[in-house]
C-alpha cells in the first residue's frame, strides 16, 4: 500500500510524525535481532495457547510482521496492522516468500490505526498488541478503541514496555532522543498503571505474566477479557 504524498498537512500531527519516524526506521528495525529470543518464544507459545479455535484475530502495531507470521496459522483469519507504511511493506515482502505460501488468504497486512479500524465497526475474537501501547500517545482512547474492536468476551493480549519500571537514566534519555528525532512519541506508565487503564476501558484482567529470560522483565504480558 502506497502513501499518498500529494497533500501533506501544513502542521503534521503527532501520528503523522510517528508514522514518518517508523517509515524511516523500518529497514533497520527489520534487520535488528530480537533482544530476548527466549522471552519472545514464550510469548508466542502462550498467545497461541490462548487463541480459540476459529478465531478472528487483529494485531495492532505488527511492525514487520514477525509475530503475525508465527501465529496466523492458528487463526481462522489474521489481520496485522501498523501505523507505518514502511513496516507493512516489509511484512508483505516476508509474506510473499515461498515458506509463507500456506498463510496467504488467512493472513493480511494493512496500514491502519486502531481509531480507523474501530470506526469501520468490524469485531474480532482476539486483539493482539505487542510492544505498542507505550507508543500510542492517548492510551485511554486507544484502549477504548481496542474494546470496540472486540466481540463480547473477546481477548486483548498485550506485552508492553513499562517505561516507569526501567532504569531512570533511560527515562531521562527518552525526551532528549525525541528532541533530536531519534525516538517516537513514548508514554510512561507502570505495570500497575497499565492494568488499571485496561480495566477502566472495560476489561477484566485474567493474567499478568513476565516472559523475559533476563533478571528484570519490564514488559508485562497481560491477558484481558472484554465485558
Protein backbone atom coordinates (compact mmCIF):
# COMPACT_ATOMS: atom_id res chain seq x y z
CA UNK A 1 0.00 0.00 0.00
CA UNK A 2 1.40 3.37 -1.02
CA UNK A 3 1.00 6.52 1.00
CA UNK A 4 -0.45 9.49 -0.91
CA UNK A 5 2.17 12.23 -0.82
CA UNK A 6 0.10 14.57 -2.99
CA UNK A 7 -1.07 16.63 0.00
CA UNK A 8 0.66 16.98 3.33
CA UNK A 9 -0.87 18.88 6.27
CA UNK A 10 0.77 22.23 7.00
CA UNK A 11 1.29 21.19 10.61
CA UNK A 12 1.84 17.39 10.82
CA UNK A 13 0.09 15.69 13.72
CA UNK A 14 1.87 13.51 16.28
CA UNK A 15 0.52 10.47 14.44
CA UNK A 16 1.96 11.75 11.14
CA UNK A 17 5.35 12.37 12.76
CA UNK A 18 5.41 8.93 14.35
CA UNK A 19 4.46 7.29 11.04
CA UNK A 20 7.31 9.14 9.35
CA UNK A 21 9.73 8.08 12.11
CA UNK A 22 8.84 4.40 11.73
CA UNK A 23 8.84 4.59 7.93
CA UNK A 24 12.45 5.79 8.06
CA UNK A 25 13.41 3.21 10.70
CA UNK A 26 11.65 0.24 9.09
CA UNK A 27 14.57 -1.36 7.22
CA UNK A 28 16.96 -1.01 10.13
CA UNK A 29 14.28 -2.32 12.51
CA UNK A 30 13.67 -5.34 10.28
CA UNK A 31 17.38 -6.19 10.25
CA UNK A 32 17.80 -5.97 14.04
CA UNK A 33 17.90 -9.07 16.22
CA UNK A 34 15.23 -9.88 18.81
CA UNK A 35 16.65 -8.75 22.15
CA UNK A 36 15.28 -11.68 24.19
CA UNK A 37 14.65 -14.65 21.92
CA UNK A 38 13.62 -16.97 24.76
CA UNK A 39 11.14 -14.44 26.13
CA UNK A 40 9.71 -13.89 22.66
CA UNK A 41 9.24 -17.63 22.11
CA UNK A 42 7.43 -17.95 25.43
CA UNK A 43 5.13 -15.08 24.47
CA UNK A 44 4.31 -16.68 21.12
CA UNK A 45 3.58 -20.06 22.71
CA UNK A 46 1.36 -18.52 25.39
CA UNK A 47 -0.53 -16.42 22.85
CA UNK A 48 -1.09 -19.38 20.57
CA UNK A 49 -2.49 -21.39 23.50
CA UNK A 50 -4.95 -18.58 24.31
CA UNK A 51 -6.33 -18.23 20.77
CA UNK A 52 -9.67 -20.07 20.46
CA UNK A 53 -10.33 -22.37 17.52
CA UNK A 54 -11.59 -20.46 14.50
CA UNK A 55 -10.52 -17.11 15.94
CA UNK A 56 -10.70 -13.84 14.03
CA UNK A 57 -7.52 -12.10 15.13
CA UNK A 58 -6.42 -8.48 14.80
CA UNK A 59 -2.88 -7.38 15.62
CA UNK A 60 -2.12 -3.71 16.25
CA UNK A 61 1.42 -2.40 15.79
CA UNK A 62 2.57 -5.52 13.96
CA UNK A 63 5.83 -3.92 12.77
CA UNK A 64 7.41 -6.05 10.05
CA UNK A 65 5.13 -9.00 10.79
CA UNK A 66 7.42 -11.21 12.86
CA UNK A 67 4.74 -12.33 15.35
CA UNK A 68 1.93 -12.42 12.78
CA UNK A 69 3.84 -14.81 10.53
CA UNK A 70 4.34 -17.14 13.50
CA UNK A 71 0.76 -17.03 14.83
CA UNK A 72 -1.51 -16.71 11.80
CA UNK A 73 -1.72 -20.45 11.11
CA UNK A 74 -3.58 -20.86 14.44
CA UNK A 75 -6.34 -18.42 13.43
CA UNK A 76 -9.26 -18.54 11.04
CA UNK A 77 -8.29 -15.06 9.86
CA UNK A 78 -5.48 -12.75 10.96
CA UNK A 79 -5.35 -9.04 10.12
CA UNK A 80 -2.00 -7.49 11.09
CA UNK A 81 -1.85 -3.69 11.07
CA UNK A 82 0.65 -0.95 11.70
CA UNK A 83 0.80 2.84 11.60
CA UNK A 84 3.83 2.70 9.29
CA UNK A 85 3.53 2.00 5.58
CA UNK A 86 7.23 1.16 5.57
CA UNK A 87 6.74 -1.58 8.15
CA UNK A 88 3.77 -3.03 6.27
CA UNK A 89 5.73 -3.07 3.01
CA UNK A 90 8.40 -5.24 4.62
CA UNK A 91 5.79 -7.50 6.24
CA UNK A 92 4.16 -8.06 2.84
CA UNK A 93 7.55 -8.87 1.34
CA UNK A 94 8.01 -11.56 4.00
CA UNK A 95 4.53 -12.98 3.36
CA UNK A 96 5.34 -13.25 -0.36
CA UNK A 97 8.28 -15.56 0.34
CA UNK A 98 7.76 -19.24 -0.57
CA UNK A 99 7.98 -20.54 3.01
CA UNK A 100 4.87 -18.48 3.93
CA UNK A 101 2.75 -19.59 1.00
CA UNK A 102 0.38 -21.50 3.27
CA UNK A 103 -0.61 -18.29 5.10
CA UNK A 104 -1.87 -16.42 2.05
CA UNK A 105 -5.60 -15.95 2.22
CA UNK A 106 -5.51 -16.32 6.01
CA UNK A 107 -3.07 -13.51 6.89
CA UNK A 108 -3.41 -9.93 5.64
CA UNK A 109 -1.22 -6.91 6.36
CA UNK A 110 -2.65 -3.40 6.29
CA UNK A 111 -1.54 0.12 7.18
CA UNK A 112 -4.14 1.32 9.70
CA UNK A 113 -4.60 2.81 13.17
CA UNK A 114 -6.84 1.49 15.94
CA UNK A 115 -9.01 4.57 15.56
CA UNK A 116 -9.65 3.96 11.86
CA UNK A 117 -10.34 0.26 12.42
CA UNK A 118 -12.76 0.94 15.27
CA UNK A 119 -14.76 3.33 13.08
CA UNK A 120 -15.20 0.57 10.48
CA UNK A 121 -17.15 -1.49 13.03
CA UNK A 122 -15.68 -4.94 12.41
CA UNK A 123 -15.36 -7.11 15.55
CA UNK A 124 -12.65 -9.65 16.34
CA UNK A 125 -12.28 -12.53 18.79
CA UNK A 126 -8.71 -11.59 19.75
CA UNK A 127 -6.81 -8.32 19.56
CA UNK A 128 -3.02 -8.53 20.00
CA UNK A 129 -0.72 -5.62 20.80
CA UNK A 130 2.97 -6.39 21.31
CA UNK A 131 5.38 -3.54 22.15
CA UNK A 132 2.92 -0.87 21.05
CA UNK A 133 0.84 0.54 23.93
CA UNK A 134 3.67 2.77 25.16
CA UNK A 135 3.79 4.33 21.68
CA UNK A 136 0.12 5.20 21.09
CA UNK A 137 0.06 8.63 22.76
CA UNK A 138 -3.50 8.64 24.12
CA UNK A 139 -3.58 5.32 25.96
CA UNK A 140 -7.18 5.55 27.32
CA UNK A 141 -8.51 6.40 23.85
CA UNK A 142 -6.68 3.52 22.19
CA UNK A 143 -7.79 1.04 24.85
CA UNK A 144 -11.36 2.20 24.27
CA UNK A 145 -10.88 1.55 20.55
CA UNK A 146 -9.50 -1.92 21.31
CA UNK A 147 -12.63 -2.62 23.37
CA UNK A 148 -14.79 -1.51 20.44
CA UNK A 149 -12.86 -3.84 18.12
CA UNK A 150 -13.60 -6.93 20.23
CA UNK A 151 -16.65 -9.13 20.20
CA UNK A 152 -18.23 -9.61 23.67
CA UNK A 153 -15.96 -11.87 25.72
CA UNK A 154 -13.08 -11.35 23.29
CA UNK A 155 -9.46 -11.33 24.45
CA UNK A 156 -6.96 -8.49 24.41
CA UNK A 157 -3.42 -9.86 24.65
CA UNK A 158 -0.61 -7.38 25.11
CA UNK A 159 3.06 -7.24 26.02
CA UNK A 160 4.24 -3.73 26.65
CA UNK A 161 7.38 -1.96 27.88
CA UNK A 162 6.56 -0.09 31.09
CA UNK A 163 8.95 2.86 30.94
CA UNK A 164 8.30 3.77 34.60
CA UNK A 165 9.94 0.48 35.64
CA UNK A 166 13.07 0.96 33.54
CA UNK A 167 16.41 2.43 34.55
CA UNK A 168 15.92 6.13 35.46
CA UNK A 169 18.71 7.09 33.06
CA UNK A 170 16.70 5.62 30.19
CA UNK A 171 13.63 7.59 31.28
CA UNK A 172 15.70 10.77 31.27
CA UNK A 173 17.20 9.99 27.88
CA UNK A 174 13.89 9.49 26.07
CA UNK A 175 12.88 13.21 25.86
CA UNK A 176 16.36 14.12 24.61
CA UNK A 177 16.18 11.42 21.92
CA UNK A 178 12.74 12.66 20.90
CA UNK A 179 14.00 16.23 20.65
CA UNK A 180 16.74 15.24 18.19
CA UNK A 181 14.45 12.93 16.22
CA UNK A 182 15.89 9.64 17.46
CA UNK A 183 12.73 8.41 19.22
CA UNK A 184 8.98 8.49 18.51
CA UNK A 185 6.23 9.50 20.94
CA UNK A 186 6.52 7.49 24.17
CA UNK A 187 4.10 7.26 27.11
CA UNK A 188 5.42 6.42 30.56
CA UNK A 189 3.44 4.14 32.87
CA UNK A 190 3.98 1.28 35.33
CA UNK A 191 2.55 -2.22 35.03
CA UNK A 192 0.02 -1.40 37.75
CA UNK A 193 -0.97 1.79 35.94
CA UNK A 194 -1.36 -0.09 32.68
CA UNK A 195 -3.53 -2.73 34.30
CA UNK A 196 -5.77 -0.06 35.80
CA UNK A 197 -6.11 1.66 32.41
CA UNK A 198 -7.11 -1.65 30.81
CA UNK A 199 -9.73 -2.28 33.49
CA UNK A 200 -11.13 1.22 33.11
CA UNK A 201 -11.54 0.63 29.37
CA UNK A 202 -13.93 -2.28 30.02
CA UNK A 203 -11.81 -5.36 30.59
CA UNK A 204 -11.24 -7.99 33.26
CA UNK A 205 -7.56 -8.86 33.77
CA UNK A 206 -7.20 -12.63 33.51
CA UNK A 207 -3.42 -12.91 33.85
CA UNK A 208 -0.27 -10.82 34.15
CA UNK A 209 2.95 -12.65 33.43
CA UNK A 210 6.63 -11.90 32.91
CA UNK A 211 8.14 -13.82 30.00
CA UNK A 212 11.62 -12.33 29.98
CA UNK A 213 14.60 -14.62 30.41
CA UNK A 214 16.79 -11.91 31.94
CA UNK A 215 16.97 -10.73 35.56
CA UNK A 216 14.37 -7.99 35.25
CA UNK A 217 11.50 -8.00 32.80
CA UNK A 218 9.74 -4.65 32.36
CA UNK A 219 7.44 -5.91 29.61
CA UNK A 220 4.40 -7.47 31.32
CA UNK A 221 2.32 -9.90 29.27
CA UNK A 222 -1.31 -9.10 30.08
CA UNK A 223 -4.38 -11.13 29.12
CA UNK A 224 -7.69 -9.25 29.43
CA UNK A 225 -11.28 -10.16 28.55
CA UNK A 226 -13.81 -7.64 27.27
CA UNK A 227 -17.05 -7.45 29.24
